[in-house]
């Protein structure tokens, strides 16, 4: 009965974790390109689908497009994205050099991680509210008695606590990763 709400909480957590992948922590990570779309013959296409992405060094990503005419489009897409890296076009590939993060930038990123974690916790709590509303309706309709409703509400609270702990642990780990020089 509560499986659907647990799945929604899991989706909120997964969404936060995929957001965390796009936050760079001083090392080159191809996931920073996840939201970069290239104009490929009039269609907004993920950069991963128009070229080969490699990480030759710890702080460099190289994008080699399968078609050389896409170099300018990839460069433009990266410049207009919010990843904060200026691409270098050498005529055959696009290079993204990730500079060392300053202490101030690390703190900003850690703050952003905490903010995204809070948003995920709010989403989980909203799902808890929806679950409790559902249980109240079931009780009013006579499908649950008061004791069953209370038991299910306790289960929902345990589920919520589990996901909030999971979110807090992930926020803590990501913040630590960002702050580690």
Protein backbone atom coordinates (compact mmCIF):
# COMPACT_ATOMS: atom_id res chain seq x y z
CA UNK A 1 0.00 0.00 0.00
CA UNK A 2 2.84 2.42 0.82
CA UNK A 3 5.18 1.16 -1.91
CA UNK A 4 4.21 3.98 -4.30
CA UNK A 5 5.19 6.63 -1.73
CA UNK A 6 8.51 4.92 -1.01
CA UNK A 7 9.23 4.88 -4.75
CA UNK A 8 8.49 8.61 -4.94
CA UNK A 9 10.87 9.26 -2.04
CA UNK A 10 13.52 7.15 -3.79
CA UNK A 11 13.04 9.22 -6.96
CA UNK A 12 13.53 12.45 -4.98
CA UNK A 13 16.75 11.05 -3.55
CA UNK A 14 17.95 9.83 -6.96
CA UNK A 15 17.20 13.23 -8.48
CA UNK A 16 19.32 14.94 -5.82
CA UNK A 17 22.16 12.46 -6.41
CA UNK A 18 22.12 13.09 -10.17
CA UNK A 19 22.21 16.84 -9.41
CA UNK A 20 25.27 16.22 -7.26
CA UNK A 21 27.03 14.58 -10.21
CA UNK A 22 26.87 17.87 -12.12
CA UNK A 23 28.63 19.74 -9.30
CA UNK A 24 32.35 19.61 -9.88
CA UNK A 25 34.70 19.07 -6.98
CA UNK A 26 38.03 20.16 -8.49
CA UNK A 27 38.44 17.08 -10.68
CA UNK A 28 37.23 16.65 -14.23
CA UNK A 29 33.94 14.76 -14.24
CA UNK A 30 32.10 14.07 -17.51
CA UNK A 31 28.76 14.44 -15.69
CA UNK A 32 29.22 18.24 -15.69
CA UNK A 33 28.29 17.98 -19.38
CA UNK A 34 25.00 16.14 -18.69
CA UNK A 35 22.90 19.28 -19.18
CA UNK A 36 24.84 20.66 -22.16
CA UNK A 37 22.83 20.41 -25.38
CA UNK A 38 24.35 20.97 -28.83
CA UNK A 39 22.37 22.25 -31.83
CA UNK A 40 22.74 19.20 -34.09
CA UNK A 41 20.99 19.99 -37.38
CA UNK A 42 18.30 21.93 -35.55
CA UNK A 43 17.81 19.40 -32.73
CA UNK A 44 19.05 20.03 -29.17
CA UNK A 45 21.22 16.94 -28.62
CA UNK A 46 23.25 15.99 -25.51
CA UNK A 47 26.96 16.58 -26.11
CA UNK A 48 27.65 12.92 -25.21
CA UNK A 49 25.74 11.88 -28.34
CA UNK A 50 27.75 13.96 -30.82
CA UNK A 51 31.30 13.06 -29.82
CA UNK A 52 33.73 11.07 -27.77
CA UNK A 53 34.41 12.36 -24.25
CA UNK A 54 37.66 11.45 -22.51
CA UNK A 55 39.57 12.51 -19.40
CA UNK A 56 43.30 12.44 -20.28
CA UNK A 57 44.29 14.24 -17.05
CA UNK A 58 42.72 14.70 -13.62
CA UNK A 59 41.51 18.22 -14.44
CA UNK A 60 40.85 18.06 -18.19
CA UNK A 61 38.01 16.81 -20.37
CA UNK A 62 38.49 16.39 -24.12
CA UNK A 63 35.50 16.24 -26.45
CA UNK A 64 36.21 14.89 -29.94
CA UNK A 65 33.13 15.36 -32.13
CA UNK A 66 32.35 12.73 -34.72
CA UNK A 67 31.80 15.50 -37.25
CA UNK A 68 34.32 18.35 -37.37
CA UNK A 69 31.62 20.90 -38.26
CA UNK A 70 30.22 20.42 -34.72
CA UNK A 71 33.29 21.95 -33.01
CA UNK A 72 31.82 25.48 -33.10
CA UNK A 73 28.39 24.23 -31.96
CA UNK A 74 29.87 22.32 -29.01
CA UNK A 75 32.00 25.32 -28.06
CA UNK A 76 28.94 27.60 -28.21
CA UNK A 77 26.83 25.17 -26.15
CA UNK A 78 29.49 24.99 -23.42
CA UNK A 79 29.90 28.77 -23.33
CA UNK A 80 26.13 29.27 -22.92
CA UNK A 81 25.82 26.54 -20.27
CA UNK A 82 26.33 27.18 -16.57
CA UNK A 83 29.36 24.93 -16.01
CA UNK A 84 31.68 27.93 -15.68
CA UNK A 85 34.49 26.59 -17.88
CA UNK A 86 35.78 28.26 -21.04
CA UNK A 87 36.39 25.69 -23.78
CA UNK A 88 39.54 25.63 -25.91
CA UNK A 89 39.04 24.67 -29.56
CA UNK A 90 42.21 23.26 -31.15
CA UNK A 91 40.62 22.47 -34.53
CA UNK A 92 40.09 18.76 -33.87
CA UNK A 93 38.76 18.68 -30.32
CA UNK A 94 37.36 20.82 -27.51
CA UNK A 95 39.40 20.89 -24.32
CA UNK A 96 37.96 21.87 -20.95
CA UNK A 97 40.60 22.70 -18.34
CA UNK A 98 39.26 22.68 -14.79
CA UNK A 99 41.22 25.07 -12.59
CA UNK A 100 41.81 24.40 -8.90
CA UNK A 101 38.79 25.62 -6.98
CA UNK A 102 39.37 28.57 -4.67
CA UNK A 103 38.35 28.28 -1.02
CA UNK A 104 35.51 30.73 -1.64
CA UNK A 105 34.23 28.76 -4.64
CA UNK A 106 34.39 25.53 -2.62
CA UNK A 107 32.29 27.13 0.12
CA UNK A 108 29.75 28.33 -2.47
CA UNK A 109 29.52 24.84 -3.95
CA UNK A 110 29.12 23.28 -0.50
CA UNK A 111 26.33 25.77 0.21
CA UNK A 112 24.67 24.81 -3.07
CA UNK A 113 24.92 21.12 -2.12
CA UNK A 114 23.23 21.84 1.22
CA UNK A 115 20.49 23.82 -0.55
CA UNK A 116 19.82 20.95 -2.95
CA UNK A 117 19.79 18.53 -0.01
CA UNK A 118 17.22 20.70 1.78
CA UNK A 119 15.08 20.76 -1.37
CA UNK A 120 15.20 16.95 -1.50
CA UNK A 121 14.19 16.73 2.17
CA UNK A 122 11.26 19.10 1.51
CA UNK A 123 10.19 16.86 -1.39
CA UNK A 124 10.36 13.77 0.85
CA UNK A 125 8.31 15.52 3.54
CA UNK A 126 5.71 16.56 0.95
CA UNK A 127 5.44 12.91 -0.09
CA UNK A 128 4.97 12.00 3.58
CA UNK A 129 2.12 14.52 3.79
CA UNK A 130 0.53 13.05 0.65
CA UNK A 131 0.83 9.54 2.10
CA UNK A 132 -0.78 10.61 5.38
CA UNK A 133 -3.60 12.36 3.48
CA UNK A 134 -4.13 9.17 1.49
CA UNK A 135 -4.32 7.14 4.72
CA UNK A 136 -6.86 9.56 6.22
CA UNK A 137 -9.04 9.21 3.12
CA UNK A 138 -8.77 5.43 3.37
CA UNK A 139 -9.85 5.65 7.02
CA UNK A 140 -12.83 7.91 6.21
CA UNK A 141 -13.88 5.56 3.42
CA UNK A 142 -13.88 2.72 5.94
CA UNK A 143 -11.05 0.80 4.27
CA UNK A 144 -8.78 1.26 7.31
CA UNK A 145 -9.59 1.41 10.99
CA UNK A 146 -7.90 3.92 13.32
CA UNK A 147 -5.26 1.44 14.53
CA UNK A 148 -4.31 0.45 10.98
CA UNK A 149 -4.09 4.10 9.98
CA UNK A 150 -1.81 4.83 12.94
CA UNK A 151 0.41 1.83 12.10
CA UNK A 152 0.72 2.93 8.47
CA UNK A 153 1.44 6.53 9.52
CA UNK A 154 4.24 5.21 11.76
CA UNK A 155 5.61 3.27 8.77
CA UNK A 156 5.47 6.42 6.63
CA UNK A 157 7.36 8.35 9.33
CA UNK A 158 10.03 5.63 9.53
CA UNK A 159 10.36 5.74 5.74
CA UNK A 160 10.67 9.54 5.83
CA UNK A 161 13.31 9.38 8.59
CA UNK A 162 15.27 6.79 6.58
CA UNK A 163 15.36 9.01 3.47
CA UNK A 164 16.18 12.17 5.44
CA UNK A 165 19.14 10.33 7.02
CA UNK A 166 20.22 9.09 3.58
CA UNK A 167 19.99 12.64 2.18
CA UNK A 168 21.95 14.10 5.11
CA UNK A 169 24.69 11.48 4.70
CA UNK A 170 24.96 12.19 0.96
CA UNK A 171 25.06 15.97 1.51
CA UNK A 172 27.77 15.50 4.14
CA UNK A 173 29.83 13.24 1.83
CA UNK A 174 29.52 15.59 -1.17
CA UNK A 175 30.36 18.65 0.95
CA UNK A 176 33.43 16.86 2.31
CA UNK A 177 34.46 15.90 -1.24
CA UNK A 178 34.14 19.53 -2.37
CA UNK A 179 36.04 20.95 0.60
CA UNK A 180 38.92 18.46 0.25
CA UNK A 181 41.77 20.17 -1.57
